């Protein structure tokens, strides 16, 4: 559903009618109908499309579009999400990236690959867009109305990862059922390719607001976050050190707690020898 809120007259009534069709709360829909022009992040069935068209709400139309993250987003923490440009100083810095041109109204990468490859992924006008042709009173101009424009040259580039869609989907389906908090990483041991990376709790990159305020680690990628190595890993370190002849079984060590310069111990005073 593409919406142009400035054209929609009875927004509360429209929200109520839509809520009965797509089974969403009227208050949630009202926020979209009272905001900026855009599209509602809800996938529709053919039956719902027909019902919405029959409502004939001026300023709202059903249009087939591509979701940036798909109807069921995968690898949200890896891919990241977009957000607004916060201030003019950031806008100036962005306009010095790769010769790209930004506007304050643009959305930019805020986390994940969206953030790290912002300068590469930034494109011009979208491949497809919907325009509402109105007069000074915000009335649709007869004969022009709302039209979809396509096939613009955007300079858009692709970013290809090693993630396997089927494996990633299988991992996330299991995690949604059984893992409230944690991470799963699957790697091809032959070449190091990462085939799946999933973190929980999760969020929807296509509508970040739905995950706010959320838990303190909703947007934390547990797959790549830095953690102190657990005690079970001490066996690996000890075996490697003995195998390489760096230490002998009779050697002793002193735990200095927070004063250890490589990896500080959780026990601040230290455990001593």
C-alpha atoms as a PDB file:
ATOM      1  CA  UNK A   1       0.000   0.000   0.000  1.00  0.00           C
ATOM      2  CA  UNK A   2       1.481   3.299  -1.144  1.00  0.00           C
ATOM      3  CA  UNK A   3       0.196   6.232   0.906  1.00  0.00           C
ATOM      4  CA  UNK A   4       0.200   9.988   0.431  1.00  0.00           C
ATOM      5  CA  UNK A   5      -1.064  11.190   3.853  1.00  0.00           C
ATOM      6  CA  UNK A   6      -1.518  14.823   2.761  1.00  0.00           C
ATOM      7  CA  UNK A   7      -4.169  13.699   0.279  1.00  0.00           C
ATOM      8  CA  UNK A   8      -6.046  11.333   2.625  1.00  0.00           C
ATOM      9  CA  UNK A   9      -8.908  13.264   4.226  1.00  0.00           C
ATOM     10  CA  UNK A  10     -10.581  11.095   6.899  1.00  0.00           C
ATOM     11  CA  UNK A  11      -7.465   9.394   8.277  1.00  0.00           C
ATOM     12  CA  UNK A  12      -9.109   7.803  11.332  1.00  0.00           C
ATOM     13  CA  UNK A  13     -11.906   6.339   9.224  1.00  0.00           C
ATOM     14  CA  UNK A  14      -9.389   5.091   6.633  1.00  0.00           C
ATOM     15  CA  UNK A  15      -7.295   3.486   9.423  1.00  0.00           C
ATOM     16  CA  UNK A  16     -10.357   1.680  10.763  1.00  0.00           C
ATOM     17  CA  UNK A  17     -11.398   0.389   7.333  1.00  0.00           C
ATOM     18  CA  UNK A  18      -7.870  -0.825   6.555  1.00  0.00           C
ATOM     19  CA  UNK A  19      -7.514  -2.499   9.954  1.00  0.00           C
ATOM     20  CA  UNK A  20     -10.541  -4.670   9.196  1.00  0.00           C
ATOM     21  CA  UNK A  21      -8.932  -5.829   5.942  1.00  0.00           C
ATOM     22  CA  UNK A  22      -5.329  -6.512   6.985  1.00  0.00           C
ATOM     23  CA  UNK A  23      -5.981  -7.369  10.662  1.00  0.00           C
ATOM     24  CA  UNK A  24      -3.812  -4.644  12.177  1.00  0.00           C
ATOM     25  CA  UNK A  25      -4.670  -2.242  14.985  1.00  0.00           C
ATOM     26  CA  UNK A  26      -6.196   1.055  13.709  1.00  0.00           C
ATOM     27  CA  UNK A  27      -3.763   3.016  15.905  1.00  0.00           C
ATOM     28  CA  UNK A  28      -0.770   1.374  14.193  1.00  0.00           C
ATOM     29  CA  UNK A  29      -2.130   2.162  10.731  1.00  0.00           C
ATOM     30  CA  UNK A  30      -3.036   5.726  11.726  1.00  0.00           C
ATOM     31  CA  UNK A  31       0.639   6.469  12.402  1.00  0.00           C
ATOM     32  CA  UNK A  32       1.448   5.608   8.789  1.00  0.00           C
ATOM     33  CA  UNK A  33      -1.502   7.555   7.382  1.00  0.00           C
ATOM     34  CA  UNK A  34      -0.504  10.576   9.453  1.00  0.00           C
ATOM     35  CA  UNK A  35       3.202  10.550   8.589  1.00  0.00           C
ATOM     36  CA  UNK A  36       5.213  11.073   5.423  1.00  0.00           C
ATOM     37  CA  UNK A  37       4.492   9.663   1.981  1.00  0.00           C
ATOM     38  CA  UNK A  38       5.726   6.091   1.620  1.00  0.00           C
ATOM     39  CA  UNK A  39       4.537   2.514   1.680  1.00  0.00           C
ATOM     40  CA  UNK A  40       3.167   0.356   4.464  1.00  0.00           C
ATOM     41  CA  UNK A  41       5.438  -2.622   5.316  1.00  0.00           C
ATOM     42  CA  UNK A  42       2.703  -5.248   5.122  1.00  0.00           C
ATOM     43  CA  UNK A  43       2.525  -8.030   2.543  1.00  0.00           C
ATOM     44  CA  UNK A  44      -0.970  -8.464   1.076  1.00  0.00           C
ATOM     45  CA  UNK A  45      -2.897 -11.416  -0.259  1.00  0.00           C
ATOM     46  CA  UNK A  46      -4.779 -11.157  -3.549  1.00  0.00           C
ATOM     47  CA  UNK A  47      -8.033 -11.032  -1.613  1.00  0.00           C
ATOM     48  CA  UNK A  48      -6.797  -8.131   0.525  1.00  0.00           C
ATOM     49  CA  UNK A  49      -5.626  -6.265  -2.580  1.00  0.00           C
ATOM     50  CA  UNK A  50      -9.108  -6.513  -4.057  1.00  0.00           C
ATOM     51  CA  UNK A  51     -10.773  -5.367  -0.814  1.00  0.00           C
ATOM     52  CA  UNK A  52      -8.460  -2.360  -0.449  1.00  0.00           C
ATOM     53  CA  UNK A  53      -9.053  -1.308  -4.044  1.00  0.00           C
ATOM     54  CA  UNK A  54     -12.808  -1.496  -3.398  1.00  0.00           C
ATOM     55  CA  UNK A  55     -12.425   0.898  -0.440  1.00  0.00           C
ATOM     56  CA  UNK A  56     -11.275   3.541  -2.962  1.00  0.00           C
ATOM     57  CA  UNK A  57      -9.423   5.667  -0.389  1.00  0.00           C
ATOM     58  CA  UNK A  58      -8.107   8.780  -2.127  1.00  0.00           C
ATOM     59  CA  UNK A  59      -4.361   9.068  -1.503  1.00  0.00           C
ATOM     60  CA  UNK A  60      -3.842   5.326  -1.028  1.00  0.00           C
ATOM     61  CA  UNK A  61      -3.190   2.769  -3.725  1.00  0.00           C
ATOM     62  CA  UNK A  62      -1.984  -0.810  -3.968  1.00  0.00           C
ATOM     63  CA  UNK A  63       1.176  -1.165  -6.024  1.00  0.00           C
ATOM     64  CA  UNK A  64       3.519  -4.094  -6.536  1.00  0.00           C
ATOM     65  CA  UNK A  65       6.903  -3.124  -5.137  1.00  0.00           C
ATOM     66  CA  UNK A  66      10.097  -4.831  -4.030  1.00  0.00           C
ATOM     67  CA  UNK A  67      10.765  -4.854  -0.298  1.00  0.00           C
ATOM     68  CA  UNK A  68      14.355  -3.897   0.404  1.00  0.00           C
ATOM     69  CA  UNK A  69      14.668  -6.777   2.858  1.00  0.00           C
ATOM     70  CA  UNK A  70      11.904  -9.017   1.534  1.00  0.00           C
ATOM     71  CA  UNK A  71       8.620  -9.890   3.262  1.00  0.00           C
ATOM     72  CA  UNK A  72      10.483 -12.176   5.691  1.00  0.00           C
ATOM     73  CA  UNK A  73      13.929 -10.610   6.241  1.00  0.00           C
ATOM     74  CA  UNK A  74      16.931 -12.886   6.794  1.00  0.00           C
ATOM     75  CA  UNK A  75      20.280 -12.155   8.471  1.00  0.00           C
ATOM     76  CA  UNK A  76      19.035  -8.846   9.850  1.00  0.00           C
ATOM     77  CA  UNK A  77      22.075  -8.237  12.056  1.00  0.00           C
ATOM     78  CA  UNK A  78      24.482  -9.015   9.209  1.00  0.00           C
ATOM     79  CA  UNK A  79      22.746  -6.855   6.622  1.00  0.00           C
ATOM     80  CA  UNK A  80      21.835  -4.088   9.052  1.00  0.00           C
ATOM     81  CA  UNK A  81      19.250  -1.380   8.524  1.00  0.00           C
ATOM     82  CA  UNK A  82      18.738   2.167   7.294  1.00  0.00           C
ATOM     83  CA  UNK A  83      17.983   5.343   9.231  1.00  0.00           C
ATOM     84  CA  UNK A  84      17.760   9.110   8.757  1.00  0.00           C
ATOM     85  CA  UNK A  85      20.707  11.504   8.498  1.00  0.00           C
ATOM     86  CA  UNK A  86      20.924  12.997  11.985  1.00  0.00           C
ATOM     87  CA  UNK A  87      22.459  16.429  11.316  1.00  0.00           C
ATOM     88  CA  UNK A  88      24.073  18.668   8.694  1.00  0.00           C
ATOM     89  CA  UNK A  89      27.639  17.867   9.760  1.00  0.00           C
ATOM     90  CA  UNK A  90      26.998  14.200   8.941  1.00  0.00           C
ATOM     91  CA  UNK A  91      25.424  15.275   5.653  1.00  0.00           C
ATOM     92  CA  UNK A  92      28.619  17.157   4.740  1.00  0.00           C
ATOM     93  CA  UNK A  93      30.796  14.138   5.545  1.00  0.00           C
ATOM     94  CA  UNK A  94      28.568  11.874   3.448  1.00  0.00           C
ATOM     95  CA  UNK A  95      28.761  14.193   0.466  1.00  0.00           C
ATOM     96  CA  UNK A  96      32.528  13.708   0.481  1.00  0.00           C
ATOM     97  CA  UNK A  97      32.145   9.915   0.120  1.00  0.00           C
ATOM     98  CA  UNK A  98      32.848   8.535  -3.331  1.00  0.00           C
ATOM     99  CA  UNK A  99      31.484  11.684  -4.939  1.00  0.00           C
ATOM    100  CA  UNK A 100      27.897  10.698  -4.037  1.00  0.00           C
ATOM    101  CA  UNK A 101      25.215  13.305  -3.432  1.00  0.00           C
ATOM    102  CA  UNK A 102      23.050  13.097  -0.302  1.00  0.00           C
ATOM    103  CA  UNK A 103      20.005  15.038   0.924  1.00  0.00           C
ATOM    104  CA  UNK A 104      18.819  15.404   4.524  1.00  0.00           C
ATOM    105  CA  UNK A 105      15.760  13.352   3.605  1.00  0.00           C
ATOM    106  CA  UNK A 106      17.889  10.367   2.480  1.00  0.00           C
ATOM    107  CA  UNK A 107      18.119   7.160   4.486  1.00  0.00           C
ATOM    108  CA  UNK A 108      21.619   5.803   5.157  1.00  0.00           C
ATOM    109  CA  UNK A 109      23.131   2.619   6.556  1.00  0.00           C
ATOM    110  CA  UNK A 110      23.098   2.573  10.350  1.00  0.00           C
ATOM    111  CA  UNK A 111      24.470  -0.918  11.057  1.00  0.00           C
ATOM    112  CA  UNK A 112      25.820  -4.056   9.400  1.00  0.00           C
ATOM    113  CA  UNK A 113      26.698  -4.209   5.720  1.00  0.00           C
ATOM    114  CA  UNK A 114      24.345  -1.287   5.061  1.00  0.00           C
ATOM    115  CA  UNK A 115      26.637   0.857   7.217  1.00  0.00           C
ATOM    116  CA  UNK A 116      30.043  -0.456   6.171  1.00  0.00           C
ATOM    117  CA  UNK A 117      29.263  -0.313   2.431  1.00  0.00           C
ATOM    118  CA  UNK A 118      27.175   2.871   2.448  1.00  0.00           C
ATOM    119  CA  UNK A 119      29.554   4.614   0.039  1.00  0.00           C
ATOM    120  CA  UNK A 120      29.280   1.748  -2.458  1.00  0.00           C
ATOM    121  CA  UNK A 121      25.572   0.961  -2.165  1.00  0.00           C
ATOM    122  CA  UNK A 122      24.391   4.570  -2.368  1.00  0.00           C
ATOM    123  CA  UNK A 123      22.482   5.116  -5.619  1.00  0.00           C
ATOM    124  CA  UNK A 124      20.475   7.856  -7.288  1.00  0.00           C
ATOM    125  CA  UNK A 125      16.714   7.880  -7.707  1.00  0.00           C
ATOM    126  CA  UNK A 126      15.058   4.515  -7.056  1.00  0.00           C
ATOM    127  CA  UNK A 127      14.497   2.055  -9.888  1.00  0.00           C
ATOM    128  CA  UNK A 128      10.751   2.453  -9.376  1.00  0.00           C
ATOM    129  CA  UNK A 129       8.854   5.218  -7.650  1.00  0.00           C
ATOM    130  CA  UNK A 130       5.281   6.389  -7.266  1.00  0.00           C
ATOM    131  CA  UNK A 131       4.385  10.061  -7.722  1.00  0.00           C
ATOM    132  CA  UNK A 132       1.183  11.856  -6.780  1.00  0.00           C
ATOM    133  CA  UNK A 133       0.478  14.805  -9.101  1.00  0.00           C
ATOM    134  CA  UNK A 134      -1.497  17.386  -7.116  1.00  0.00           C
ATOM    135  CA  UNK A 135      -2.467  21.034  -7.358  1.00  0.00           C
ATOM    136  CA  UNK A 136      -1.730  23.725  -4.779  1.00  0.00           C
ATOM    137  CA  UNK A 137      -4.707  22.535  -2.711  1.00  0.00           C
ATOM    138  CA  UNK A 138      -3.347  18.969  -2.576  1.00  0.00           C
ATOM    139  CA  UNK A 139      -6.046  17.699  -4.909  1.00  0.00           C
ATOM    140  CA  UNK A 140      -5.069  15.039  -7.439  1.00  0.00           C
ATOM    141  CA  UNK A 141      -4.793  16.466 -10.947  1.00  0.00           C
ATOM    142  CA  UNK A 142      -7.286  14.837 -13.293  1.00  0.00           C
ATOM    143  CA  UNK A 143      -5.625  12.644 -15.908  1.00  0.00           C
ATOM    144  CA  UNK A 144      -2.342  12.492 -13.974  1.00  0.00           C
ATOM    145  CA  UNK A 145      -3.293  11.319 -10.488  1.00  0.00           C
ATOM    146  CA  UNK A 146      -0.932   8.718  -8.991  1.00  0.00           C
ATOM    147  CA  UNK A 147       1.510   7.104 -11.386  1.00  0.00           C
ATOM    148  CA  UNK A 148       4.362   4.624 -11.120  1.00  0.00           C
ATOM    149  CA  UNK A 149       7.654   5.429 -12.852  1.00  0.00           C
ATOM    150  CA  UNK A 150      10.264   2.766 -13.585  1.00  0.00           C
ATOM    151  CA  UNK A 151      13.626   1.983 -15.177  1.00  0.00           C
ATOM    152  CA  UNK A 152      15.656   4.926 -13.997  1.00  0.00           C
ATOM    153  CA  UNK A 153      19.451   4.738 -14.263  1.00  0.00           C
ATOM    154  CA  UNK A 154      20.514   4.811 -10.630  1.00  0.00           C
ATOM    155  CA  UNK A 155      24.129   3.671 -10.659  1.00  0.00           C
ATOM    156  CA  UNK A 156      23.029   0.981  -8.213  1.00  0.00           C
ATOM    157  CA  UNK A 157      25.589  -1.678  -7.248  1.00  0.00           C
ATOM    158  CA  UNK A 158      25.228  -5.137  -5.745  1.00  0.00           C
ATOM    159  CA  UNK A 159      26.915  -6.671  -2.716  1.00  0.00           C
ATOM    160  CA  UNK A 160      27.176 -10.465  -2.750  1.00  0.00           C
ATOM    161  CA  UNK A 161      27.867 -12.455   0.425  1.00  0.00           C
ATOM    162  CA  UNK A 162      28.713 -16.121   0.995  1.00  0.00           C
ATOM    163  CA  UNK A 163      25.549 -16.663   3.063  1.00  0.00           C
ATOM    164  CA  UNK A 164      23.401 -19.520   1.755  1.00  0.00           C
ATOM    165  CA  UNK A 165      19.744 -18.459   1.708  1.00  0.00           C
ATOM    166  CA  UNK A 166      18.336 -21.926   2.386  1.00  0.00           C
ATOM    167  CA  UNK A 167      20.720 -22.650   5.261  1.00  0.00           C
ATOM    168  CA  UNK A 168      20.161 -19.179   6.731  1.00  0.00           C
ATOM    169  CA  UNK A 169      16.390 -19.616   6.572  1.00  0.00           C
ATOM    170  CA  UNK A 170      16.546 -23.066   8.219  1.00  0.00           C
ATOM    171  CA  UNK A 171      18.752 -21.737  11.030  1.00  0.00           C
ATOM    172  CA  UNK A 172      16.469 -18.784  11.717  1.00  0.00           C
ATOM    173  CA  UNK A 173      13.322 -20.905  11.730  1.00  0.00           C
ATOM    174  CA  UNK A 174      14.843 -23.168  14.389  1.00  0.00           C
ATOM    175  CA  UNK A 175      16.090 -20.193  16.424  1.00  0.00           C
ATOM    176  CA  UNK A 176      12.670 -18.520  16.327  1.00  0.00           C
ATOM    177  CA  UNK A 177      11.212 -21.653  17.889  1.00  0.00           C
ATOM    178  CA  UNK A 178      13.918 -22.549  20.380  1.00  0.00           C
ATOM    179  CA  UNK A 179      16.482 -19.765  20.964  1.00  0.00           C
ATOM    180  CA  UNK A 180      15.442 -16.619  22.811  1.00  0.00           C
ATOM    181  CA  UNK A 181      18.958 -15.211  23.112  1.00  0.00           C
ATOM    182  CA  UNK A 182      22.162 -16.375  21.421  1.00  0.00           C
ATOM    183  CA  UNK A 183      23.894 -16.874  18.080  1.00  0.00           C
ATOM    184  CA  UNK A 184      24.459 -19.495  15.393  1.00  0.00           C
ATOM    185  CA  UNK A 185      27.331 -19.353  12.902  1.00  0.00           C
ATOM    186  CA  UNK A 186      27.792 -21.990  10.194  1.00  0.00           C
ATOM    187  CA  UNK A 187      31.057 -22.022   8.269  1.00  0.00           C
ATOM    188  CA  UNK A 188      32.334 -24.082   5.351  1.00  0.00           C
ATOM    189  CA  UNK A 189      35.438 -25.608   6.969  1.00  0.00           C
ATOM    190  CA  UNK A 190      37.041 -26.139   3.547  1.00  0.00           C
ATOM    191  CA  UNK A 191      37.380 -22.469   2.614  1.00  0.00           C
ATOM    192  CA  UNK A 192      36.126 -20.415   5.571  1.00  0.00           C
ATOM    193  CA  UNK A 193      32.965 -19.176   3.808  1.00  0.00           C
ATOM    194  CA  UNK A 194      30.247 -18.128   6.239  1.00  0.00           C
ATOM    195  CA  UNK A 195      27.066 -19.944   5.212  1.00  0.00           C
ATOM    196  CA  UNK A 196      24.746 -18.674   7.960  1.00  0.00           C
ATOM    197  CA  UNK A 197      24.906 -16.081  10.736  1.00  0.00           C
ATOM    198  CA  UNK A 198      21.909 -15.478  12.960  1.00  0.00           C
ATOM    199  CA  UNK A 199      21.533 -13.610  16.231  1.00  0.00           C
ATOM    200  CA  UNK A 200      18.668 -13.426  18.721  1.00  0.00           C
ATOM    201  CA  UNK A 201      16.824 -11.361  19.892  1.00  0.00           C
ATOM    202  CA  UNK A 202      15.971 -10.230  16.370  1.00  0.00           C
ATOM    203  CA  UNK A 203      14.523  -7.131  14.691  1.00  0.00           C
ATOM    204  CA  UNK A 204      12.866  -6.265  11.386  1.00  0.00           C
ATOM    205  CA  UNK A 205      15.238  -4.086   9.321  1.00  0.00           C
ATOM    206  CA  UNK A 206      12.333  -2.969   7.149  1.00  0.00           C
ATOM    207  CA  UNK A 207      10.551  -1.457  10.158  1.00  0.00           C
ATOM    208  CA  UNK A 208      12.990  -0.874  13.005  1.00  0.00           C
ATOM    209  CA  UNK A 209      10.403   1.094  14.998  1.00  0.00           C
ATOM    210  CA  UNK A 210       8.508  -2.129  15.718  1.00  0.00           C
ATOM    211  CA  UNK A 211      11.526  -3.385  17.725  1.00  0.00           C
ATOM    212  CA  UNK A 212      11.883  -0.270  19.894  1.00  0.00           C
ATOM    213  CA  UNK A 213      12.603   0.044  22.726  1.00  0.00           C
ATOM    214  CA  UNK A 214      13.225  -3.726  22.783  1.00  0.00           C
ATOM    215  CA  UNK A 215      15.798  -5.530  24.906  1.00  0.00           C
ATOM    216  CA  UNK A 216      19.190  -3.942  25.511  1.00  0.00           C
ATOM    217  CA  UNK A 217      20.788  -6.352  23.024  1.00  0.00           C
ATOM    218  CA  UNK A 218      18.080  -6.455  20.337  1.00  0.00           C
ATOM    219  CA  UNK A 219      20.378  -4.736  17.839  1.00  0.00           C
ATOM    220  CA  UNK A 220      23.555  -6.448  19.052  1.00  0.00           C
ATOM    221  CA  UNK A 221      24.972  -9.023  16.648  1.00  0.00           C
ATOM    222  CA  UNK A 222      25.906 -11.851  19.004  1.00  0.00           C
ATOM    223  CA  UNK A 223      27.716 -13.551  16.104  1.00  0.00           C
ATOM    224  CA  UNK A 224      30.405 -10.878  15.879  1.00  0.00           C
ATOM    225  CA  UNK A 225      30.261  -9.232  19.327  1.00  0.00           C
ATOM    226  CA  UNK A 226      33.454  -9.413  21.406  1.00  0.00           C
ATOM    227  CA  UNK A 227      33.241 -11.739  24.390  1.00  0.00           C
ATOM    228  CA  UNK A 228      35.831 -12.816  26.938  1.00  0.00           C
ATOM    229  CA  UNK A 229      36.879 -16.401  26.105  1.00  0.00           C
ATOM    230  CA  UNK A 230      35.075 -18.789  28.437  1.00  0.00           C
ATOM    231  CA  UNK A 231      36.818 -21.226  30.762  1.00  0.00           C
ATOM    232  CA  UNK A 232      36.100 -24.141  28.434  1.00  0.00           C
ATOM    233  CA  UNK A 233      38.441 -22.509  25.896  1.00  0.00           C
ATOM    234  CA  UNK A 234      41.358 -22.685  28.340  1.00  0.00           C
ATOM    235  CA  UNK A 235      41.774 -26.330  27.327  1.00  0.00           C
ATOM    236  CA  UNK A 236      42.354 -25.288  23.713  1.00  0.00           C
ATOM    237  CA  UNK A 237      44.905 -22.620  24.654  1.00  0.00           C
ATOM    238  CA  UNK A 238      46.765 -24.954  27.018  1.00  0.00           C
ATOM    239  CA  UNK A 239      46.881 -27.791  24.462  1.00  0.00           C
ATOM    240  CA  UNK A 240      48.189 -25.456  21.731  1.00  0.00           C
ATOM    241  CA  UNK A 241      50.843 -23.957  24.022  1.00  0.00           C
ATOM    242  CA  UNK A 242      52.068 -27.415  25.072  1.00  0.00           C
ATOM    243  CA  UNK A 243      52.049 -28.717  21.503  1.00  0.00           C
ATOM    244  CA  UNK A 244      54.091 -25.770  20.249  1.00  0.00           C
ATOM    245  CA  UNK A 245      56.578 -26.118  23.117  1.00  0.00           C
ATOM    246  CA  UNK A 246      55.848 -22.608  24.380  1.00  0.00           C
ATOM    247  CA  UNK A 247      55.238 -23.905  27.913  1.00  0.00           C
ATOM    248  CA  UNK A 248      55.951 -26.986  30.006  1.00  0.00           C
ATOM    249  CA  UNK A 249      53.456 -28.866  32.217  1.00  0.00           C
ATOM    250  CA  UNK A 250      55.421 -27.652  35.235  1.00  0.00           C
ATOM    251  CA  UNK A 251      55.137 -23.918  34.364  1.00  0.00           C
ATOM    252  CA  UNK A 252      53.031 -21.622  36.534  1.00  0.00           C
ATOM    253  CA  UNK A 253      51.282 -18.341  35.759  1.00  0.00           C
ATOM    254  CA  UNK A 254      50.013 -15.408  37.758  1.00  0.00           C
ATOM    255  CA  UNK A 255      46.519 -13.936  37.229  1.00  0.00           C
ATOM    256  CA  UNK A 256      46.669 -10.165  37.759  1.00  0.00           C
ATOM    257  CA  UNK A 257      42.934  -9.628  37.305  1.00  0.00           C
ATOM    258  CA  UNK A 258      42.098  -6.262  35.729  1.00  0.00           C
ATOM    259  CA  UNK A 259      45.811  -5.431  35.426  1.00  0.00           C
ATOM    260  CA  UNK A 260      46.585  -8.163  32.889  1.00  0.00           C
ATOM    261  CA  UNK A 261      47.530  -6.295  29.717  1.00  0.00           C
ATOM    262  CA  UNK A 262      46.250  -8.791  27.106  1.00  0.00           C
ATOM    263  CA  UNK A 263      42.983 -10.220  28.412  1.00  0.00           C
ATOM    264  CA  UNK A 264      41.717  -8.886  31.726  1.00  0.00           C
ATOM    265  CA  UNK A 265      40.159 -11.409  34.110  1.00  0.00           C
ATOM    266  CA  UNK A 266      36.558 -11.000  35.261  1.00  0.00           C
ATOM    267  CA  UNK A 267      37.875 -11.238  38.836  1.00  0.00           C
ATOM    268  CA  UNK A 268      39.351  -7.747  39.205  1.00  0.00           C
ATOM    269  CA  UNK A 269      41.739  -8.493  42.134  1.00  0.00           C
ATOM    270  CA  UNK A 270      43.099 -11.486  40.241  1.00  0.00           C
ATOM    271  CA  UNK A 271      43.445 -15.130  41.222  1.00  0.00           C
ATOM    272  CA  UNK A 272      47.178 -14.947  41.881  1.00  0.00           C
ATOM    273  CA  UNK A 273      49.511 -17.912  41.032  1.00  0.00           C
END
